[in-house]
Amino acid sequence: MNRKRGVRGQRNAAMERDIGEKIRRFREAAGLSREEMAARMGLNPLQMRKLEDGTNIIPVVYLSRAAGILGVSVEAFYGEYDPERDGSAPGQTVPTPLEHPESRALIEAYYEAPEPVRKSFSALLQSFARR
């Protein structure tokens, strides 16, 4: 039986797609592959793709896991922010980690350093990320 979605169902589907898109953007900005994110969330890559595409409804428990992994609040996926916690105001678009002033300052400092220092620093950060 092929049932059409009502207006409410269409809004919910659009919201699921929007939340999934935000999860994908945060994941990519964090440098995680879909497979890595899925493993950290306890999902398989197909389930992760369906969550990011908005094909599947995203259970709250997965939103919470994704937020913890990505270092954002759950509200970031809805576009609602606590300025004290997220450093942005209500109604603003979801910033990616690279859009934060601290990230830009770190990137600028990194490229101002001599190449041997950059290589050492990069190796150090990657070793911390593997822990």
N, C-alpha and C. Protein backbone atom coordinates (compact mmCIF):
# COMPACT_ATOMS: atom_id res chain seq x y z
N MET A 1 0.83 -1.17 0.00
CA MET A 1 0.00 0.00 0.00
C MET A 1 0.89 1.25 0.00
N ASN A 2 0.72 2.10 -0.95
CA ASN A 2 1.51 3.31 -1.08
C ASN A 2 0.76 4.48 -0.46
N ARG A 3 1.23 4.93 0.71
CA ARG A 3 0.56 6.03 1.40
C ARG A 3 1.36 7.30 1.22
N LYS A 4 0.66 8.38 0.98
CA LYS A 4 1.32 9.68 0.87
C LYS A 4 1.54 10.25 2.26
N ARG A 5 2.63 10.94 2.42
CA ARG A 5 2.90 11.61 3.69
C ARG A 5 2.08 12.88 3.76
N GLY A 6 1.56 13.15 4.94
CA GLY A 6 0.88 14.41 5.17
C GLY A 6 1.90 15.52 5.35
N VAL A 7 1.40 16.73 5.55
CA VAL A 7 2.29 17.87 5.74
C VAL A 7 3.19 17.66 6.95
N ARG A 8 2.61 17.13 8.03
CA ARG A 8 3.39 16.88 9.24
C ARG A 8 4.51 15.87 8.97
N GLY A 9 4.19 14.80 8.27
CA GLY A 9 5.20 13.80 7.93
C GLY A 9 6.29 14.35 7.05
N GLN A 10 5.92 15.25 6.14
CA GLN A 10 6.92 15.87 5.27
C GLN A 10 7.86 16.76 6.08
N ARG A 11 7.30 17.48 7.06
CA ARG A 11 8.14 18.33 7.91
C ARG A 11 9.09 17.48 8.74
N ASN A 12 8.59 16.37 9.27
CA ASN A 12 9.45 15.49 10.07
C ASN A 12 10.56 14.90 9.21
N ALA A 13 10.22 14.49 7.99
CA ALA A 13 11.23 13.93 7.08
C ALA A 13 12.28 14.98 6.75
N ALA A 14 11.84 16.21 6.53
CA ALA A 14 12.78 17.29 6.23
C ALA A 14 13.69 17.55 7.43
N MET A 15 13.14 17.48 8.64
CA MET A 15 13.94 17.68 9.83
C MET A 15 14.96 16.55 9.99
N GLU A 16 14.56 15.30 9.72
CA GLU A 16 15.49 14.17 9.81
C GLU A 16 16.65 14.35 8.82
N ARG A 17 16.33 14.80 7.61
CA ARG A 17 17.38 15.04 6.61
C ARG A 17 18.33 16.15 7.08
N ASP A 18 17.76 17.21 7.65
CA ASP A 18 18.56 18.33 8.12
C ASP A 18 19.49 17.90 9.26
N ILE A 19 18.97 17.14 10.20
CA ILE A 19 19.79 16.65 11.32
C ILE A 19 20.89 15.73 10.78
N GLY A 20 20.54 14.83 9.88
CA GLY A 20 21.53 13.93 9.29
C GLY A 20 22.63 14.69 8.56
N GLU A 21 22.24 15.74 7.85
CA GLU A 21 23.21 16.57 7.14
C GLU A 21 24.16 17.25 8.11
N LYS A 22 23.63 17.72 9.23
CA LYS A 22 24.49 18.37 10.23
C LYS A 22 25.46 17.37 10.85
N ILE A 23 24.98 16.17 11.11
CA ILE A 23 25.88 15.13 11.64
C ILE A 23 27.00 14.87 10.65
N ARG A 24 26.64 14.75 9.36
CA ARG A 24 27.64 14.49 8.33
C ARG A 24 28.66 15.63 8.27
N ARG A 25 28.19 16.88 8.32
CA ARG A 25 29.11 18.03 8.25
C ARG A 25 30.07 18.05 9.44
N PHE A 26 29.53 17.82 10.63
CA PHE A 26 30.40 17.77 11.81
C PHE A 26 31.39 16.62 11.71
N ARG A 27 30.92 15.46 11.23
CA ARG A 27 31.80 14.29 11.09
C ARG A 27 32.94 14.59 10.14
N GLU A 28 32.62 15.15 8.98
CA GLU A 28 33.65 15.45 7.99
C GLU A 28 34.62 16.51 8.52
N ALA A 29 34.08 17.51 9.21
CA ALA A 29 34.95 18.55 9.77
C ALA A 29 35.89 17.98 10.83
N ALA A 30 35.44 16.93 11.50
CA ALA A 30 36.28 16.27 12.51
C ALA A 30 37.28 15.32 11.88
N GLY A 31 37.19 15.13 10.56
CA GLY A 31 38.13 14.25 9.88
C GLY A 31 37.83 12.78 10.04
N LEU A 32 36.58 12.45 10.35
CA LEU A 32 36.19 11.05 10.53
C LEU A 32 35.51 10.52 9.27
N SER A 33 35.85 9.32 8.89
CA SER A 33 35.14 8.67 7.78
C SER A 33 33.80 8.17 8.30
N ARG A 34 32.91 7.87 7.39
CA ARG A 34 31.61 7.31 7.79
C ARG A 34 31.82 6.00 8.55
N GLU A 35 32.78 5.20 8.10
CA GLU A 35 33.05 3.92 8.75
C GLU A 35 33.55 4.11 10.18
N GLU A 36 34.45 5.09 10.37
CA GLU A 36 34.97 5.37 11.72
C GLU A 36 33.85 5.84 12.64
N MET A 37 33.03 6.74 12.12
CA MET A 37 31.93 7.27 12.94
C MET A 37 30.95 6.16 13.29
N ALA A 38 30.63 5.32 12.31
CA ALA A 38 29.71 4.21 12.56
C ALA A 38 30.25 3.29 13.65
N ALA A 39 31.52 2.96 13.56
CA ALA A 39 32.13 2.08 14.56
C ALA A 39 32.07 2.70 15.96
N ARG A 40 32.35 3.98 16.05
CA ARG A 40 32.32 4.65 17.35
C ARG A 40 30.89 4.73 17.91
N MET A 41 29.91 4.78 17.01
CA MET A 41 28.52 4.86 17.47
C MET A 41 27.89 3.49 17.69
N GLY A 42 28.60 2.42 17.29
CA GLY A 42 28.05 1.08 17.43
C GLY A 42 27.09 0.72 16.32
N LEU A 43 27.31 1.31 15.14
CA LEU A 43 26.47 1.05 13.96
C LEU A 43 27.33 0.46 12.85
N ASN A 44 26.66 -0.05 11.81
CA ASN A 44 27.42 -0.41 10.62
C ASN A 44 27.36 0.77 9.65
N PRO A 45 28.25 0.83 8.67
CA PRO A 45 28.30 1.98 7.76
C PRO A 45 26.98 2.24 7.02
N LEU A 46 26.23 1.19 6.69
CA LEU A 46 24.95 1.40 6.00
C LEU A 46 23.97 2.12 6.91
N GLN A 47 23.91 1.72 8.18
CA GLN A 47 23.03 2.41 9.13
C GLN A 47 23.45 3.87 9.28
N MET A 48 24.75 4.11 9.33
CA MET A 48 25.26 5.47 9.46
C MET A 48 24.86 6.30 8.25
N ARG A 49 24.98 5.72 7.05
CA ARG A 49 24.59 6.44 5.83
C ARG A 49 23.12 6.80 5.87
N LYS A 50 22.29 5.86 6.31
CA LYS A 50 20.85 6.12 6.36
C LYS A 50 20.50 7.20 7.37
N LEU A 51 21.25 7.26 8.48
CA LEU A 51 21.02 8.34 9.44
C LEU A 51 21.43 9.69 8.84
N GLU A 52 22.59 9.72 8.18
CA GLU A 52 23.06 10.97 7.59
C GLU A 52 22.20 11.42 6.42
N ASP A 53 21.65 10.48 5.68
CA ASP A 53 20.79 10.82 4.54
C ASP A 53 19.38 11.20 4.97
N GLY A 54 19.03 10.92 6.25
CA GLY A 54 17.68 11.18 6.72
C GLY A 54 16.69 10.12 6.32
N THR A 55 17.20 8.98 5.81
CA THR A 55 16.34 7.87 5.42
C THR A 55 15.70 7.23 6.64
N ASN A 56 16.48 7.09 7.71
CA ASN A 56 15.99 6.50 8.96
C ASN A 56 15.79 7.59 10.01
N ILE A 57 14.83 7.39 10.87
CA ILE A 57 14.63 8.28 12.00
C ILE A 57 15.82 8.11 12.94
N ILE A 58 16.32 9.21 13.44
CA ILE A 58 17.51 9.17 14.29
C ILE A 58 17.07 9.11 15.75
N PRO A 59 17.28 7.96 16.41
CA PRO A 59 16.92 7.86 17.83
C PRO A 59 17.76 8.82 18.68
N VAL A 60 17.17 9.30 19.75
CA VAL A 60 17.85 10.25 20.64
C VAL A 60 19.18 9.69 21.14
N VAL A 61 19.22 8.41 21.43
CA VAL A 61 20.46 7.81 21.94
C VAL A 61 21.60 7.99 20.93
N TYR A 62 21.30 7.91 19.63
CA TYR A 62 22.34 8.09 18.62
C TYR A 62 22.73 9.56 18.48
N LEU A 63 21.76 10.46 18.66
CA LEU A 63 22.10 11.89 18.65
C LEU A 63 23.07 12.20 19.79
N SER A 64 22.79 11.63 20.94
CA SER A 64 23.65 11.85 22.10
C SER A 64 25.05 11.28 21.86
N ARG A 65 25.12 10.09 21.30
CA ARG A 65 26.43 9.48 21.00
C ARG A 65 27.20 10.32 19.99
N ALA A 66 26.50 10.74 18.93
CA ALA A 66 27.15 11.54 17.89
C ALA A 66 27.67 12.84 18.47
N ALA A 67 26.87 13.49 19.31
CA ALA A 67 27.29 14.75 19.93
C ALA A 67 28.56 14.54 20.76
N GLY A 68 28.59 13.47 21.54
CA GLY A 68 29.76 13.19 22.36
C GLY A 68 31.00 12.93 21.53
N ILE A 69 30.85 12.17 20.47
CA ILE A 69 31.98 11.84 19.60
C ILE A 69 32.51 13.09 18.90
N LEU A 70 31.58 13.96 18.47
CA LEU A 70 31.94 15.13 17.68
C LEU A 70 32.25 16.36 18.53
N GLY A 71 32.02 16.26 19.83
CA GLY A 71 32.34 17.38 20.72
C GLY A 71 31.40 18.56 20.61
N VAL A 72 30.13 18.29 20.31
CA VAL A 72 29.12 19.35 20.24
C VAL A 72 27.95 18.97 21.14
N SER A 73 27.06 19.91 21.36
CA SER A 73 25.86 19.60 22.13
C SER A 73 24.82 19.00 21.19
N VAL A 74 23.88 18.26 21.74
CA VAL A 74 22.79 17.69 20.93
C VAL A 74 22.03 18.81 20.24
N GLU A 75 21.89 19.95 20.91
CA GLU A 75 21.17 21.08 20.34
C GLU A 75 21.80 21.57 19.04
N ALA A 76 23.10 21.34 18.86
CA ALA A 76 23.77 21.77 17.64
C ALA A 76 23.15 21.12 16.41
N PHE A 77 22.60 19.92 16.56
CA PHE A 77 21.98 19.24 15.43
C PHE A 77 20.62 19.84 15.08
N TYR A 78 20.04 20.56 16.02
CA TYR A 78 18.74 21.19 15.80
C TYR A 78 18.88 22.67 15.48
N GLY A 79 20.07 23.20 15.58
CA GLY A 79 20.27 24.61 15.30
C GLY A 79 19.96 25.49 16.50
N GLU A 80 19.79 24.90 17.68
CA GLU A 80 19.56 25.66 18.89
C GLU A 80 20.83 25.61 19.72
N TYR A 81 21.21 26.74 20.28
CA TYR A 81 22.48 26.81 20.98
C TYR A 81 22.34 27.42 22.36
N ASP A 82 23.20 27.01 23.24
CA ASP A 82 23.40 27.64 24.54
C ASP A 82 24.68 28.44 24.38
N PRO A 83 24.60 29.77 24.36
CA PRO A 83 25.80 30.57 24.12
C PRO A 83 26.94 30.25 25.08
N GLU A 84 26.62 29.91 26.33
CA GLU A 84 27.67 29.56 27.29
C GLU A 84 28.38 28.28 26.90
N ARG A 85 27.63 27.33 26.34
CA ARG A 85 28.19 26.02 26.02
C ARG A 85 28.77 25.98 24.61
N ASP A 86 28.07 26.57 23.64
CA ASP A 86 28.49 26.44 22.24
C ASP A 86 29.18 27.68 21.68
N GLY A 87 29.13 28.79 22.38
CA GLY A 87 29.79 29.99 21.90
C GLY A 87 29.09 30.65 20.73
N SER A 88 27.79 30.40 20.56
CA SER A 88 27.05 31.03 19.48
C SER A 88 25.66 31.38 19.99
N ALA A 89 24.94 32.13 19.21
CA ALA A 89 23.62 32.60 19.63
C ALA A 89 22.51 31.80 18.98
N PRO A 90 21.31 31.78 19.59
CA PRO A 90 20.18 31.07 18.99
C PRO A 90 19.91 31.58 17.59
N GLY A 91 19.54 30.68 16.72
CA GLY A 91 19.19 31.03 15.35
C GLY A 91 20.37 31.05 14.40
N GLN A 92 21.58 30.94 14.91
CA GLN A 92 22.74 30.91 14.02
C GLN A 92 22.83 29.54 13.37
N THR A 93 23.47 29.50 12.22
CA THR A 93 23.69 28.21 11.57
C THR A 93 24.73 27.42 12.35
N VAL A 94 24.76 26.13 12.14
CA VAL A 94 25.69 25.27 12.85
C VAL A 94 27.10 25.50 12.32
N PRO A 95 28.01 25.97 13.18
CA PRO A 95 29.38 26.16 12.70
C PRO A 95 30.12 24.83 12.66
N THR A 96 30.97 24.69 11.69
CA THR A 96 31.83 23.51 11.68
C THR A 96 33.01 23.81 12.58
N PRO A 97 33.72 22.80 13.06
CA PRO A 97 34.88 23.07 13.92
C PRO A 97 35.90 24.01 13.27
N LEU A 98 36.03 23.97 11.97
CA LEU A 98 37.00 24.83 11.30
C LEU A 98 36.56 26.29 11.25
N GLU A 99 35.29 26.56 11.54
CA GLU A 99 34.79 27.93 11.51
C GLU A 99 34.99 28.66 12.84
N HIS A 100 35.42 27.95 13.86
CA HIS A 100 35.65 28.59 15.16
C HIS A 100 36.94 29.41 15.11
N PRO A 101 36.96 30.58 15.76
CA PRO A 101 38.17 31.42 15.75
C PRO A 101 39.41 30.70 16.27
N GLU A 102 39.23 29.83 17.27
CA GLU A 102 40.39 29.11 17.81
C GLU A 102 41.01 28.21 16.75
N SER A 103 40.16 27.58 15.94
CA SER A 103 40.67 26.70 14.89
C SER A 103 41.46 27.49 13.86
N ARG A 104 40.93 28.62 13.46
CA ARG A 104 41.62 29.45 12.48
C ARG A 104 42.97 29.92 13.01
N ALA A 105 43.00 30.33 14.29
CA ALA A 105 44.25 30.79 14.89
C ALA A 105 45.28 29.66 14.93
N LEU A 106 44.84 28.45 15.26
CA LEU A 106 45.76 27.31 15.29
C LEU A 106 46.30 27.00 13.89
N ILE A 107 45.43 27.06 12.91
CA ILE A 107 45.86 26.78 11.53
C ILE A 107 46.88 27.82 11.07
N GLU A 108 46.60 29.10 11.36
CA GLU A 108 47.54 30.15 10.98
C GLU A 108 48.90 29.96 11.67
N ALA A 109 48.87 29.65 12.96
CA ALA A 109 50.12 29.44 13.70
C ALA A 109 50.88 28.24 13.16
N TYR A 110 50.15 27.20 12.80
CA TYR A 110 50.76 25.99 12.26
C TYR A 110 51.55 26.33 10.99
N TYR A 111 50.93 27.08 10.07
CA TYR A 111 51.60 27.37 8.81
C TYR A 111 52.69 28.43 8.93
N GLU A 112 52.71 29.17 10.04
CA GLU A 112 53.79 30.13 10.27
C GLU A 112 55.04 29.45 10.82
N ALA A 113 54.89 28.25 11.36
CA ALA A 113 56.03 27.52 11.93
C ALA A 113 56.88 26.91 10.81
N PRO A 114 58.17 26.71 11.08
CA PRO A 114 59.05 26.06 10.08
C PRO A 114 58.56 24.62 9.80
N GLU A 115 58.87 24.14 8.62
CA GLU A 115 58.40 22.81 8.21
C GLU A 115 58.77 21.69 9.18
N PRO A 116 59.99 21.62 9.70
CA PRO A 116 60.30 20.54 10.64
C PRO A 116 59.42 20.58 11.90
N VAL A 117 59.10 21.79 12.36
CA VAL A 117 58.23 21.94 13.53
C VAL A 117 56.81 21.46 13.18
N ARG A 118 56.34 21.83 11.99
CA ARG A 118 55.00 21.40 11.56
C ARG A 118 54.91 19.88 11.50
N LYS A 119 55.94 19.24 10.95
CA LYS A 119 55.93 17.77 10.86
C LYS A 119 55.90 17.13 12.24
N SER A 120 56.71 17.65 13.15
CA SER A 120 56.74 17.11 14.52
C SER A 120 55.40 17.32 15.22
N PHE A 121 54.85 18.51 15.06
CA PHE A 121 53.57 18.83 15.69
C PHE A 121 52.46 17.94 15.13
N SER A 122 52.46 17.76 13.83
CA SER A 122 51.46 16.90 13.19
C SER A 122 51.56 15.47 13.70
N ALA A 123 52.77 14.95 13.80
CA ALA A 123 52.97 13.59 14.30
C ALA A 123 52.49 13.46 15.75
N LEU A 124 52.77 14.49 16.55
CA LEU A 124 52.34 14.48 17.95
C LEU A 124 50.81 14.46 18.05
N LEU A 125 50.15 15.33 17.31
CA LEU A 125 48.68 15.37 17.34
C LEU A 125 48.07 14.05 16.87
N GLN A 126 48.63 13.48 15.82
CA GLN A 126 48.11 12.21 15.32
C GLN A 126 48.29 11.10 16.34
N SER A 127 49.38 11.13 17.09
CA SER A 127 49.57 10.10 18.11
C SER A 127 48.53 10.25 19.22
N PHE A 128 48.18 11.48 19.59
CA PHE A 128 47.13 11.70 20.58
C PHE A 128 45.77 11.24 20.06
N ALA A 129 45.51 11.48 18.80
CA ALA A 129 44.21 11.12 18.21
C ALA A 129 44.00 9.61 18.19
N ARG A 130 45.07 8.85 18.12
CA ARG A 130 44.96 7.38 18.07
C ARG A 130 44.68 6.78 19.44
N ARG A 131 44.84 7.54 20.50
CA ARG A 131 44.64 7.01 21.87
C ARG A 131 43.20 6.95 22.24
